[in-house]
């Protein structure tokens, strides 16, 4: 079976981007200079106004020094229906943050514009794609976790090191902005 060079190059490019996105960060600043603070300086759970948005277990995986992307995860409960519509991070930590979802793509579907993460024995691949919002039902738990919805941190200014924390702002359609403390860890809490 012959494979065209463009298919090989496209596959190699997708795999290179995926490996960078899945590991996490580059840069030369210390954590303190990059807006990353000790755990004591930021609240563990944040409540937005009267809406009582609960955000718990916020964490980000450590990142190797050659990676420029990272990911943050957490659990969110809103008291009434709402939507997570945006996320932001201090530019001293990363250039941008986006809401992403990990999805299965069949082998006959193009993965251009997404980041291929892992081959699937059934012929598809796991990819990450940006989403413009996540709908939340009042009282129901939404888990941002590896392999599902997550917050992608792009163009990190310094590696994410275990024990550090940084602030992440979640913007909700009804509840407004909620600032949460994200702990950098080797594994999920």
C-alpha atoms as a PDB file:
ATOM      1  CA  UNK A   1       0.000   0.000   0.000  1.00  0.00           C
ATOM      2  CA  UNK A   2       1.502   3.350  -1.047  1.00  0.00           C
ATOM      3  CA  UNK A   3       1.078   6.396   1.189  1.00  0.00           C
ATOM      4  CA  UNK A   4       1.539   9.873  -0.237  1.00  0.00           C
ATOM      5  CA  UNK A   5       4.239  12.130   1.201  1.00  0.00           C
ATOM      6  CA  UNK A   6       1.639  14.734   2.161  1.00  0.00           C
ATOM      7  CA  UNK A   7      -0.183  12.168   4.317  1.00  0.00           C
ATOM      8  CA  UNK A   8       3.093  11.187   5.992  1.00  0.00           C
ATOM      9  CA  UNK A   9       4.061  14.838   6.604  1.00  0.00           C
ATOM     10  CA  UNK A  10       0.586  15.701   7.909  1.00  0.00           C
ATOM     11  CA  UNK A  11       0.673  12.710  10.274  1.00  0.00           C
ATOM     12  CA  UNK A  12       4.176  13.588  11.486  1.00  0.00           C
ATOM     13  CA  UNK A  13       3.128  17.213  12.105  1.00  0.00           C
ATOM     14  CA  UNK A  14       0.018  16.172  14.044  1.00  0.00           C
ATOM     15  CA  UNK A  15       2.049  13.759  16.189  1.00  0.00           C
ATOM     16  CA  UNK A  16       4.697  16.396  16.929  1.00  0.00           C
ATOM     17  CA  UNK A  17       2.076  18.927  18.026  1.00  0.00           C
ATOM     18  CA  UNK A  18       0.309  16.253  20.095  1.00  0.00           C
ATOM     19  CA  UNK A  19       3.453  15.278  21.976  1.00  0.00           C
ATOM     20  CA  UNK A  20       4.153  18.935  22.802  1.00  0.00           C
ATOM     21  CA  UNK A  21       0.569  19.542  23.941  1.00  0.00           C
ATOM     22  CA  UNK A  22       0.467  16.448  26.104  1.00  0.00           C
ATOM     23  CA  UNK A  23       3.673  16.934  28.007  1.00  0.00           C
ATOM     24  CA  UNK A  24       3.889  20.595  29.180  1.00  0.00           C
ATOM     25  CA  UNK A  25       6.037  23.785  29.052  1.00  0.00           C
ATOM     26  CA  UNK A  26       9.199  25.708  28.324  1.00  0.00           C
ATOM     27  CA  UNK A  27      10.763  28.958  29.502  1.00  0.00           C
ATOM     28  CA  UNK A  28      13.379  30.207  31.881  1.00  0.00           C
ATOM     29  CA  UNK A  29      11.592  32.170  34.621  1.00  0.00           C
ATOM     30  CA  UNK A  30      11.210  30.921  38.158  1.00  0.00           C
ATOM     31  CA  UNK A  31       7.728  29.945  39.322  1.00  0.00           C
ATOM     32  CA  UNK A  32       7.563  33.106  41.456  1.00  0.00           C
ATOM     33  CA  UNK A  33       8.275  35.355  38.440  1.00  0.00           C
ATOM     34  CA  UNK A  34       5.654  33.486  36.400  1.00  0.00           C
ATOM     35  CA  UNK A  35       2.724  34.242  38.751  1.00  0.00           C
ATOM     36  CA  UNK A  36       2.866  30.785  40.312  1.00  0.00           C
ATOM     37  CA  UNK A  37       2.484  31.030  44.078  1.00  0.00           C
ATOM     38  CA  UNK A  38       2.548  28.828  47.134  1.00  0.00           C
ATOM     39  CA  UNK A  39      -0.638  26.978  48.083  1.00  0.00           C
ATOM     40  CA  UNK A  40      -1.292  29.232  51.100  1.00  0.00           C
ATOM     41  CA  UNK A  41      -1.725  32.354  48.940  1.00  0.00           C
ATOM     42  CA  UNK A  42      -4.816  31.207  47.008  1.00  0.00           C
ATOM     43  CA  UNK A  43      -8.225  29.893  48.157  1.00  0.00           C
ATOM     44  CA  UNK A  44      -8.956  26.171  47.668  1.00  0.00           C
ATOM     45  CA  UNK A  45     -12.621  26.707  46.811  1.00  0.00           C
ATOM     46  CA  UNK A  46     -14.097  29.860  45.341  1.00  0.00           C
ATOM     47  CA  UNK A  47     -17.649  31.122  45.592  1.00  0.00           C
ATOM     48  CA  UNK A  48     -18.885  33.676  43.034  1.00  0.00           C
ATOM     49  CA  UNK A  49     -21.249  36.260  44.492  1.00  0.00           C
ATOM     50  CA  UNK A  50     -24.606  34.841  45.532  1.00  0.00           C
ATOM     51  CA  UNK A  51     -24.509  32.107  42.884  1.00  0.00           C
ATOM     52  CA  UNK A  52     -22.337  29.784  45.019  1.00  0.00           C
ATOM     53  CA  UNK A  53     -20.380  28.163  42.202  1.00  0.00           C
ATOM     54  CA  UNK A  54     -18.291  25.410  43.788  1.00  0.00           C
ATOM     55  CA  UNK A  55     -14.934  24.556  42.235  1.00  0.00           C
ATOM     56  CA  UNK A  56     -12.901  21.845  43.949  1.00  0.00           C
ATOM     57  CA  UNK A  57      -9.886  19.646  43.270  1.00  0.00           C
ATOM     58  CA  UNK A  58      -8.300  22.072  40.790  1.00  0.00           C
ATOM     59  CA  UNK A  59      -4.951  20.725  39.604  1.00  0.00           C
ATOM     60  CA  UNK A  60      -2.554  20.817  36.661  1.00  0.00           C
ATOM     61  CA  UNK A  61      -0.107  18.120  35.650  1.00  0.00           C
ATOM     62  CA  UNK A  62       3.616  18.882  35.930  1.00  0.00           C
ATOM     63  CA  UNK A  63       5.302  19.678  32.644  1.00  0.00           C
ATOM     64  CA  UNK A  64       8.718  18.782  31.229  1.00  0.00           C
ATOM     65  CA  UNK A  65      10.970  21.730  30.431  1.00  0.00           C
ATOM     66  CA  UNK A  66      10.726  21.295  26.641  1.00  0.00           C
ATOM     67  CA  UNK A  67       6.935  21.498  26.443  1.00  0.00           C
ATOM     68  CA  UNK A  68       4.959  24.687  25.860  1.00  0.00           C
ATOM     69  CA  UNK A  69       1.480  23.434  26.779  1.00  0.00           C
ATOM     70  CA  UNK A  70      -0.192  22.147  29.911  1.00  0.00           C
ATOM     71  CA  UNK A  71      -3.655  21.208  31.121  1.00  0.00           C
ATOM     72  CA  UNK A  72      -5.752  21.978  34.203  1.00  0.00           C
ATOM     73  CA  UNK A  73      -8.555  19.876  35.661  1.00  0.00           C
ATOM     74  CA  UNK A  74     -11.203  20.368  38.366  1.00  0.00           C
ATOM     75  CA  UNK A  75     -14.752  19.619  39.516  1.00  0.00           C
ATOM     76  CA  UNK A  76     -17.485  22.255  39.153  1.00  0.00           C
ATOM     77  CA  UNK A  77     -21.014  22.408  40.581  1.00  0.00           C
ATOM     78  CA  UNK A  78     -23.390  25.302  39.890  1.00  0.00           C
ATOM     79  CA  UNK A  79     -26.644  25.758  41.847  1.00  0.00           C
ATOM     80  CA  UNK A  80     -28.673  26.493  38.708  1.00  0.00           C
ATOM     81  CA  UNK A  81     -28.197  25.929  34.975  1.00  0.00           C
ATOM     82  CA  UNK A  82     -25.276  27.926  33.615  1.00  0.00           C
ATOM     83  CA  UNK A  83     -22.446  27.647  31.080  1.00  0.00           C
ATOM     84  CA  UNK A  84     -18.663  27.878  31.341  1.00  0.00           C
ATOM     85  CA  UNK A  85     -18.005  30.317  28.500  1.00  0.00           C
ATOM     86  CA  UNK A  86     -14.348  31.333  28.887  1.00  0.00           C
ATOM     87  CA  UNK A  87     -11.168  30.762  30.869  1.00  0.00           C
ATOM     88  CA  UNK A  88      -8.114  32.922  31.377  1.00  0.00           C
ATOM     89  CA  UNK A  89      -4.770  32.686  33.092  1.00  0.00           C
ATOM     90  CA  UNK A  90      -2.264  35.332  34.118  1.00  0.00           C
ATOM     91  CA  UNK A  91       0.024  35.993  31.113  1.00  0.00           C
ATOM     92  CA  UNK A  92       3.022  35.467  33.377  1.00  0.00           C
ATOM     93  CA  UNK A  93       1.960  31.773  33.575  1.00  0.00           C
ATOM     94  CA  UNK A  94       0.819  31.140  29.968  1.00  0.00           C
ATOM     95  CA  UNK A  95      -0.049  33.187  26.894  1.00  0.00           C
ATOM     96  CA  UNK A  96      -3.604  31.815  26.829  1.00  0.00           C
ATOM     97  CA  UNK A  97      -6.043  29.305  28.234  1.00  0.00           C
ATOM     98  CA  UNK A  98      -8.807  27.542  26.301  1.00  0.00           C
ATOM     99  CA  UNK A  99     -11.623  25.120  27.056  1.00  0.00           C
ATOM    100  CA  UNK A 100     -10.846  21.822  25.283  1.00  0.00           C
ATOM    101  CA  UNK A 101     -12.528  18.464  24.853  1.00  0.00           C
ATOM    102  CA  UNK A 102     -10.928  15.128  24.034  1.00  0.00           C
ATOM    103  CA  UNK A 103     -12.889  13.307  21.315  1.00  0.00           C
ATOM    104  CA  UNK A 104     -12.612  10.155  19.216  1.00  0.00           C
ATOM    105  CA  UNK A 105     -12.048  10.672  15.501  1.00  0.00           C
ATOM    106  CA  UNK A 106     -12.493   7.832  13.038  1.00  0.00           C
ATOM    107  CA  UNK A 107      -9.578   6.959  10.752  1.00  0.00           C
ATOM    108  CA  UNK A 108     -11.410   8.311   7.699  1.00  0.00           C
ATOM    109  CA  UNK A 109     -11.958  11.743   9.307  1.00  0.00           C
ATOM    110  CA  UNK A 110      -9.329  14.435   8.866  1.00  0.00           C
ATOM    111  CA  UNK A 111      -7.581  15.518  12.059  1.00  0.00           C
ATOM    112  CA  UNK A 112      -6.243  18.772  10.652  1.00  0.00           C
ATOM    113  CA  UNK A 113      -6.882  21.591  13.103  1.00  0.00           C
ATOM    114  CA  UNK A 114      -6.956  19.232  16.078  1.00  0.00           C
ATOM    115  CA  UNK A 115      -4.195  17.597  18.043  1.00  0.00           C
ATOM    116  CA  UNK A 116      -3.940  13.819  17.669  1.00  0.00           C
ATOM    117  CA  UNK A 117      -3.108  12.201  20.985  1.00  0.00           C
ATOM    118  CA  UNK A 118      -3.247   8.468  20.694  1.00  0.00           C
ATOM    119  CA  UNK A 119      -4.077   5.812  18.169  1.00  0.00           C
ATOM    120  CA  UNK A 120      -7.099   3.693  18.857  1.00  0.00           C
ATOM    121  CA  UNK A 121      -6.987  -0.009  17.954  1.00  0.00           C
ATOM    122  CA  UNK A 122     -10.468   0.389  16.443  1.00  0.00           C
ATOM    123  CA  UNK A 123      -9.042   2.635  13.706  1.00  0.00           C
ATOM    124  CA  UNK A 124      -9.652   6.086  15.218  1.00  0.00           C
ATOM    125  CA  UNK A 125      -7.563   8.557  17.150  1.00  0.00           C
ATOM    126  CA  UNK A 126      -8.143  10.647  20.233  1.00  0.00           C
ATOM    127  CA  UNK A 127      -7.906  14.354  19.517  1.00  0.00           C
ATOM    128  CA  UNK A 128      -8.300  17.560  21.462  1.00  0.00           C
ATOM    129  CA  UNK A 129     -10.424  20.391  20.156  1.00  0.00           C
ATOM    130  CA  UNK A 130     -11.351  23.785  21.513  1.00  0.00           C
ATOM    131  CA  UNK A 131     -14.993  24.260  22.526  1.00  0.00           C
ATOM    132  CA  UNK A 132     -16.703  27.619  22.908  1.00  0.00           C
ATOM    133  CA  UNK A 133     -18.585  26.661  26.095  1.00  0.00           C
ATOM    134  CA  UNK A 134     -19.676  23.823  28.364  1.00  0.00           C
ATOM    135  CA  UNK A 135     -23.309  23.694  29.494  1.00  0.00           C
ATOM    136  CA  UNK A 136     -23.746  22.947  33.201  1.00  0.00           C
ATOM    137  CA  UNK A 137     -26.926  21.689  34.866  1.00  0.00           C
ATOM    138  CA  UNK A 138     -27.769  23.058  38.292  1.00  0.00           C
ATOM    139  CA  UNK A 139     -26.652  20.767  41.106  1.00  0.00           C
ATOM    140  CA  UNK A 140     -24.843  18.310  38.794  1.00  0.00           C
ATOM    141  CA  UNK A 141     -21.101  17.683  38.957  1.00  0.00           C
ATOM    142  CA  UNK A 142     -18.993  18.533  35.902  1.00  0.00           C
ATOM    143  CA  UNK A 143     -15.554  16.957  36.002  1.00  0.00           C
ATOM    144  CA  UNK A 144     -12.796  18.463  33.893  1.00  0.00           C
ATOM    145  CA  UNK A 145     -10.390  15.511  33.697  1.00  0.00           C
ATOM    146  CA  UNK A 146      -7.788  13.838  31.488  1.00  0.00           C
ATOM    147  CA  UNK A 147      -9.507  12.260  28.484  1.00  0.00           C
ATOM    148  CA  UNK A 148     -12.519  14.606  28.686  1.00  0.00           C
ATOM    149  CA  UNK A 149     -13.148  18.319  29.067  1.00  0.00           C
ATOM    150  CA  UNK A 150     -10.106  20.223  30.361  1.00  0.00           C
ATOM    151  CA  UNK A 151      -8.472  23.650  30.377  1.00  0.00           C
ATOM    152  CA  UNK A 152      -5.564  23.842  27.940  1.00  0.00           C
ATOM    153  CA  UNK A 153      -2.725  26.202  28.890  1.00  0.00           C
ATOM    154  CA  UNK A 154      -0.798  27.376  25.833  1.00  0.00           C
ATOM    155  CA  UNK A 155       2.669  28.876  25.542  1.00  0.00           C
ATOM    156  CA  UNK A 156       3.672  28.349  29.168  1.00  0.00           C
ATOM    157  CA  UNK A 157       6.285  30.796  30.380  1.00  0.00           C
ATOM    158  CA  UNK A 158       7.977  28.276  32.696  1.00  0.00           C
ATOM    159  CA  UNK A 159       7.591  24.569  33.449  1.00  0.00           C
ATOM    160  CA  UNK A 160       4.774  23.644  35.820  1.00  0.00           C
ATOM    161  CA  UNK A 161       6.515  22.156  38.861  1.00  0.00           C
ATOM    162  CA  UNK A 162       4.928  19.975  41.551  1.00  0.00           C
ATOM    163  CA  UNK A 163       3.790  21.912  44.612  1.00  0.00           C
ATOM    164  CA  UNK A 164       3.351  25.251  42.837  1.00  0.00           C
ATOM    165  CA  UNK A 165      -0.039  26.945  42.419  1.00  0.00           C
ATOM    166  CA  UNK A 166      -1.441  29.544  40.063  1.00  0.00           C
ATOM    167  CA  UNK A 167      -4.753  31.377  39.599  1.00  0.00           C
ATOM    168  CA  UNK A 168      -7.153  30.502  36.787  1.00  0.00           C
ATOM    169  CA  UNK A 169     -10.276  32.568  36.038  1.00  0.00           C
ATOM    170  CA  UNK A 170     -13.411  30.711  34.953  1.00  0.00           C
ATOM    171  CA  UNK A 171     -16.098  32.867  33.304  1.00  0.00           C
ATOM    172  CA  UNK A 172     -19.697  31.686  33.581  1.00  0.00           C
ATOM    173  CA  UNK A 173     -22.610  33.005  31.542  1.00  0.00           C
ATOM    174  CA  UNK A 174     -24.748  33.743  34.624  1.00  0.00           C
ATOM    175  CA  UNK A 175     -22.458  33.489  37.656  1.00  0.00           C
ATOM    176  CA  UNK A 176     -19.703  35.707  36.247  1.00  0.00           C
ATOM    177  CA  UNK A 177     -16.011  35.229  36.957  1.00  0.00           C
ATOM    178  CA  UNK A 178     -14.661  32.762  39.501  1.00  0.00           C
ATOM    179  CA  UNK A 179     -10.943  32.717  40.343  1.00  0.00           C
ATOM    180  CA  UNK A 180      -9.625  29.328  41.437  1.00  0.00           C
ATOM    181  CA  UNK A 181      -6.310  28.118  42.771  1.00  0.00           C
ATOM    182  CA  UNK A 182      -4.752  25.385  40.644  1.00  0.00           C
ATOM    183  CA  UNK A 183      -2.206  23.094  42.310  1.00  0.00           C
ATOM    184  CA  UNK A 184       0.510  21.579  40.115  1.00  0.00           C
ATOM    185  CA  UNK A 185       0.805  17.833  40.780  1.00  0.00           C
ATOM    186  CA  UNK A 186       2.379  14.698  39.297  1.00  0.00           C
ATOM    187  CA  UNK A 187      -0.970  12.841  39.407  1.00  0.00           C
ATOM    188  CA  UNK A 188      -4.646  13.567  40.016  1.00  0.00           C
ATOM    189  CA  UNK A 189      -5.617  14.226  43.662  1.00  0.00           C
END
